[in-house]
Amino acid sequence: LYHSDRLTNYLASGTLVLAKRVPDSDMLFKDGVHLKYFDTADEFFELSDWYLKHEDERLKIANAGMKHVHEEFNCEKIAKYTMDIIEKGTYDAPWCGCL
């Protein structure tokens, strides 16, 4: 699983994110719930056009993504994640073994 902190930053700002699908993408962010994944350039352009024309759906996903990031990847949880890795060598999250 590849994950750049840029994706989290974009989601945290309340922006609808269209992201290239990579293996295990849904372990961190759910497609159609927190963001939209695409597989091809054509699909990216189709999704871009569709979401520009459907503001309510765009805002619904953008707001859900922002809420998810603020709840699950905030400073307190990242500090706990870091300390658990240092102290126990593991962290209790389904995505932990993939990062």
N, C-alpha and C. Protein backbone atom coordinates (compact mmCIF):
# COMPACT_ATOMS: atom_id res chain seq x y z
N LEU A 1 0.85 -1.18 0.00
CA LEU A 1 0.00 0.00 0.00
C LEU A 1 0.89 1.23 0.00
N TYR A 2 0.72 2.09 -0.98
CA TYR A 2 1.44 3.36 -1.01
C TYR A 2 0.47 4.44 -0.58
N HIS A 3 0.92 5.28 0.31
CA HIS A 3 0.08 6.39 0.75
C HIS A 3 0.95 7.61 1.00
N SER A 4 0.67 8.67 0.29
CA SER A 4 1.35 9.94 0.50
C SER A 4 0.54 10.77 1.49
N ASP A 5 1.22 11.52 2.34
CA ASP A 5 0.49 12.38 3.27
C ASP A 5 -0.25 13.49 2.53
N ARG A 6 0.09 13.73 1.27
CA ARG A 6 -0.64 14.74 0.49
C ARG A 6 -2.11 14.36 0.37
N LEU A 7 -2.39 13.08 0.19
CA LEU A 7 -3.77 12.63 0.08
C LEU A 7 -4.54 12.98 1.35
N THR A 8 -3.96 12.72 2.49
CA THR A 8 -4.59 13.05 3.77
C THR A 8 -4.77 14.55 3.91
N ASN A 9 -3.78 15.33 3.49
CA ASN A 9 -3.89 16.78 3.57
C ASN A 9 -5.02 17.30 2.69
N TYR A 10 -5.15 16.78 1.48
CA TYR A 10 -6.24 17.21 0.59
C TYR A 10 -7.59 16.87 1.20
N LEU A 11 -7.72 15.64 1.69
CA LEU A 11 -8.98 15.24 2.31
C LEU A 11 -9.30 16.10 3.53
N ALA A 12 -8.30 16.38 4.35
CA ALA A 12 -8.50 17.17 5.57
C ALA A 12 -9.00 18.58 5.27
N SER A 13 -8.71 19.09 4.08
CA SER A 13 -9.12 20.44 3.72
C SER A 13 -10.56 20.51 3.23
N GLY A 14 -11.21 19.35 3.06
CA GLY A 14 -12.58 19.35 2.58
C GLY A 14 -12.71 19.35 1.07
N THR A 15 -11.66 18.95 0.40
CA THR A 15 -11.65 18.88 -1.06
C THR A 15 -12.07 17.49 -1.51
N LEU A 16 -12.87 17.40 -2.56
CA LEU A 16 -13.14 16.09 -3.15
C LEU A 16 -11.85 15.62 -3.80
N VAL A 17 -11.41 14.44 -3.44
CA VAL A 17 -10.18 13.88 -3.98
C VAL A 17 -10.52 12.77 -4.97
N LEU A 18 -9.92 12.87 -6.16
CA LEU A 18 -9.93 11.80 -7.15
C LEU A 18 -8.53 11.23 -7.13
N ALA A 19 -8.40 9.98 -6.74
CA ALA A 19 -7.07 9.38 -6.54
C ALA A 19 -6.91 8.13 -7.41
N LYS A 20 -5.71 7.94 -7.91
CA LYS A 20 -5.39 6.73 -8.66
C LYS A 20 -5.48 5.53 -7.72
N ARG A 21 -6.21 4.51 -8.15
CA ARG A 21 -6.36 3.31 -7.33
C ARG A 21 -5.04 2.55 -7.30
N VAL A 22 -4.63 2.14 -6.11
CA VAL A 22 -3.46 1.29 -5.92
C VAL A 22 -3.92 0.08 -5.09
N PRO A 23 -3.16 -1.01 -5.07
CA PRO A 23 -3.57 -2.17 -4.27
C PRO A 23 -3.85 -1.79 -2.81
N ASP A 24 -4.92 -2.31 -2.27
CA ASP A 24 -5.34 -2.07 -0.88
C ASP A 24 -5.75 -0.64 -0.59
N SER A 25 -6.07 0.14 -1.63
CA SER A 25 -6.50 1.53 -1.44
C SER A 25 -7.61 1.67 -0.41
N ASP A 26 -8.58 0.78 -0.46
CA ASP A 26 -9.75 0.90 0.41
C ASP A 26 -9.47 0.62 1.88
N MET A 27 -8.25 0.23 2.22
CA MET A 27 -7.93 0.01 3.63
C MET A 27 -7.90 1.32 4.41
N LEU A 28 -7.60 2.42 3.74
CA LEU A 28 -7.53 3.72 4.41
C LEU A 28 -8.76 4.58 4.13
N PHE A 29 -9.16 4.62 2.88
CA PHE A 29 -10.26 5.49 2.46
C PHE A 29 -11.18 4.72 1.53
N LYS A 30 -12.48 4.77 1.80
CA LYS A 30 -13.46 4.00 1.05
C LYS A 30 -13.90 4.76 -0.21
N ASP A 31 -13.86 4.04 -1.32
CA ASP A 31 -14.27 4.60 -2.61
C ASP A 31 -15.75 4.98 -2.58
N GLY A 32 -16.03 6.21 -2.98
CA GLY A 32 -17.40 6.70 -3.01
C GLY A 32 -17.92 7.17 -1.67
N VAL A 33 -17.12 7.00 -0.63
CA VAL A 33 -17.50 7.46 0.71
C VAL A 33 -16.60 8.62 1.12
N HIS A 34 -15.28 8.40 1.08
CA HIS A 34 -14.31 9.42 1.50
C HIS A 34 -13.65 10.13 0.32
N LEU A 35 -13.60 9.46 -0.82
CA LEU A 35 -12.99 9.99 -2.04
C LEU A 35 -13.46 9.12 -3.20
N LYS A 36 -12.96 9.40 -4.39
CA LYS A 36 -13.26 8.56 -5.55
C LYS A 36 -11.94 8.10 -6.16
N TYR A 37 -11.85 6.80 -6.39
CA TYR A 37 -10.68 6.23 -7.06
C TYR A 37 -10.96 6.10 -8.55
N PHE A 38 -9.90 6.21 -9.33
CA PHE A 38 -10.00 5.97 -10.77
C PHE A 38 -8.86 5.04 -11.18
N ASP A 39 -9.07 4.36 -12.30
CA ASP A 39 -8.06 3.43 -12.81
C ASP A 39 -7.38 3.92 -14.08
N THR A 40 -8.08 4.73 -14.86
CA THR A 40 -7.53 5.19 -16.15
C THR A 40 -7.68 6.70 -16.26
N ALA A 41 -6.93 7.28 -17.17
CA ALA A 41 -7.04 8.72 -17.42
C ALA A 41 -8.45 9.07 -17.89
N ASP A 42 -9.02 8.25 -18.76
CA ASP A 42 -10.38 8.50 -19.23
C ASP A 42 -11.37 8.52 -18.08
N GLU A 43 -11.23 7.58 -17.16
CA GLU A 43 -12.12 7.54 -16.00
C GLU A 43 -11.94 8.78 -15.14
N PHE A 44 -10.70 9.24 -14.99
CA PHE A 44 -10.44 10.47 -14.23
C PHE A 44 -11.21 11.65 -14.83
N PHE A 45 -11.13 11.80 -16.15
CA PHE A 45 -11.82 12.92 -16.81
C PHE A 45 -13.34 12.78 -16.71
N GLU A 46 -13.85 11.56 -16.82
CA GLU A 46 -15.29 11.33 -16.67
C GLU A 46 -15.75 11.69 -15.26
N LEU A 47 -15.01 11.24 -14.26
CA LEU A 47 -15.36 11.56 -12.87
C LEU A 47 -15.27 13.05 -12.61
N SER A 48 -14.24 13.69 -13.12
CA SER A 48 -14.08 15.14 -12.94
C SER A 48 -15.28 15.88 -13.49
N ASP A 49 -15.67 15.53 -14.70
CA ASP A 49 -16.81 16.18 -15.35
C ASP A 49 -18.09 15.93 -14.55
N TRP A 50 -18.30 14.68 -14.12
CA TRP A 50 -19.52 14.33 -13.41
C TRP A 50 -19.62 15.09 -12.08
N TYR A 51 -18.54 15.12 -11.31
CA TYR A 51 -18.59 15.78 -10.00
C TYR A 51 -18.66 17.30 -10.11
N LEU A 52 -18.15 17.86 -11.18
CA LEU A 52 -18.32 19.30 -11.39
C LEU A 52 -19.79 19.65 -11.63
N LYS A 53 -20.53 18.71 -12.17
CA LYS A 53 -21.95 18.93 -12.47
C LYS A 53 -22.87 18.49 -11.33
N HIS A 54 -22.35 17.80 -10.34
CA HIS A 54 -23.16 17.27 -9.23
C HIS A 54 -22.58 17.72 -7.89
N GLU A 55 -22.81 18.99 -7.59
CA GLU A 55 -22.21 19.60 -6.40
C GLU A 55 -22.63 18.90 -5.10
N ASP A 56 -23.88 18.53 -4.98
CA ASP A 56 -24.34 17.90 -3.73
C ASP A 56 -23.55 16.62 -3.44
N GLU A 57 -23.38 15.78 -4.46
CA GLU A 57 -22.64 14.53 -4.27
C GLU A 57 -21.17 14.81 -4.01
N ARG A 58 -20.62 15.80 -4.72
CA ARG A 58 -19.22 16.18 -4.52
C ARG A 58 -18.99 16.63 -3.08
N LEU A 59 -19.86 17.48 -2.57
CA LEU A 59 -19.71 17.98 -1.20
C LEU A 59 -19.94 16.88 -0.17
N LYS A 60 -20.87 15.98 -0.44
CA LYS A 60 -21.13 14.87 0.48
C LYS A 60 -19.87 14.03 0.67
N ILE A 61 -19.22 13.66 -0.41
CA ILE A 61 -18.01 12.84 -0.32
C ILE A 61 -16.86 13.65 0.27
N ALA A 62 -16.71 14.89 -0.16
CA ALA A 62 -15.63 15.74 0.37
C ALA A 62 -15.77 15.91 1.89
N ASN A 63 -16.98 16.16 2.36
CA ASN A 63 -17.20 16.34 3.80
C ASN A 63 -16.97 15.05 4.57
N ALA A 64 -17.39 13.92 4.00
CA ALA A 64 -17.16 12.63 4.67
C ALA A 64 -15.66 12.32 4.74
N GLY A 65 -14.93 12.65 3.68
CA GLY A 65 -13.48 12.45 3.68
C GLY A 65 -12.79 13.31 4.73
N MET A 66 -13.23 14.56 4.82
CA MET A 66 -12.65 15.47 5.80
C MET A 66 -12.93 14.97 7.22
N LYS A 67 -14.16 14.57 7.48
CA LYS A 67 -14.52 14.07 8.81
C LYS A 67 -13.70 12.83 9.16
N HIS A 68 -13.57 11.91 8.22
CA HIS A 68 -12.82 10.68 8.44
C HIS A 68 -11.36 10.98 8.81
N VAL A 69 -10.73 11.87 8.07
CA VAL A 69 -9.32 12.21 8.34
C VAL A 69 -9.18 12.86 9.71
N HIS A 70 -10.07 13.80 10.02
CA HIS A 70 -9.98 14.48 11.31
C HIS A 70 -10.24 13.54 12.49
N GLU A 71 -11.06 12.52 12.27
CA GLU A 71 -11.34 11.56 13.35
C GLU A 71 -10.29 10.46 13.46
N GLU A 72 -9.80 9.96 12.35
CA GLU A 72 -8.94 8.78 12.36
C GLU A 72 -7.45 9.06 12.22
N PHE A 73 -7.08 10.23 11.75
CA PHE A 73 -5.67 10.53 11.51
C PHE A 73 -5.28 11.86 12.14
N ASN A 74 -5.84 12.13 13.32
CA ASN A 74 -5.52 13.37 14.02
C ASN A 74 -4.21 13.21 14.80
N CYS A 75 -3.74 14.28 15.39
CA CYS A 75 -2.44 14.27 16.10
C CYS A 75 -2.42 13.23 17.22
N GLU A 76 -3.50 13.14 17.97
CA GLU A 76 -3.56 12.19 19.09
C GLU A 76 -3.42 10.74 18.58
N LYS A 77 -4.13 10.40 17.53
CA LYS A 77 -4.06 9.03 17.01
C LYS A 77 -2.72 8.74 16.35
N ILE A 78 -2.15 9.72 15.68
CA ILE A 78 -0.83 9.51 15.05
C ILE A 78 0.23 9.34 16.14
N ALA A 79 0.13 10.12 17.23
CA ALA A 79 1.08 9.96 18.33
C ALA A 79 0.94 8.57 18.97
N LYS A 80 -0.29 8.11 19.16
CA LYS A 80 -0.52 6.77 19.71
C LYS A 80 0.04 5.71 18.76
N TYR A 81 -0.21 5.86 17.49
CA TYR A 81 0.31 4.94 16.48
C TYR A 81 1.83 4.86 16.58
N THR A 82 2.48 6.01 16.65
CA THR A 82 3.94 6.06 16.73
C THR A 82 4.44 5.40 18.00
N MET A 83 3.84 5.71 19.14
CA MET A 83 4.28 5.13 20.41
C MET A 83 4.04 3.61 20.45
N ASP A 84 2.91 3.16 19.93
CA ASP A 84 2.65 1.72 19.91
C ASP A 84 3.66 0.98 19.04
N ILE A 85 4.01 1.56 17.92
CA ILE A 85 5.02 0.94 17.04
C ILE A 85 6.36 0.87 17.78
N ILE A 86 6.74 1.95 18.46
CA ILE A 86 8.01 1.97 19.19
C ILE A 86 7.99 0.97 20.34
N GLU A 87 6.91 0.98 21.13
CA GLU A 87 6.86 0.16 22.34
C GLU A 87 6.48 -1.30 22.09
N LYS A 88 5.55 -1.54 21.17
CA LYS A 88 5.03 -2.90 20.96
C LYS A 88 5.38 -3.51 19.61
N GLY A 89 5.82 -2.67 18.71
CA GLY A 89 6.14 -3.15 17.37
C GLY A 89 4.92 -3.36 16.49
N THR A 90 3.76 -2.93 16.97
CA THR A 90 2.53 -3.08 16.18
C THR A 90 1.52 -2.02 16.59
N TYR A 91 0.46 -1.92 15.81
CA TYR A 91 -0.62 -0.99 16.09
C TYR A 91 -1.92 -1.66 15.70
N ASP A 92 -2.95 -1.46 16.48
CA ASP A 92 -4.23 -2.13 16.26
C ASP A 92 -5.07 -1.38 15.23
N ALA A 93 -4.72 -1.54 13.97
CA ALA A 93 -5.49 -0.98 12.86
C ALA A 93 -5.31 -1.91 11.66
N PRO A 94 -6.37 -2.14 10.90
CA PRO A 94 -6.26 -3.10 9.79
C PRO A 94 -5.23 -2.70 8.74
N TRP A 95 -4.97 -1.42 8.62
CA TRP A 95 -4.03 -0.94 7.59
C TRP A 95 -2.59 -0.92 8.06
N CYS A 96 -2.36 -1.13 9.34
CA CYS A 96 -1.01 -0.96 9.91
C CYS A 96 0.03 -1.83 9.22
N GLY A 97 -0.27 -3.06 8.95
CA GLY A 97 0.70 -3.95 8.33
C GLY A 97 0.99 -3.63 6.89
N CYS A 98 0.20 -2.75 6.30
CA CYS A 98 0.38 -2.42 4.88
C CYS A 98 1.26 -1.20 4.66
N LEU A 99 1.44 -0.38 5.68
CA LEU A 99 2.20 0.86 5.50
C LEU A 99 3.68 0.63 5.63
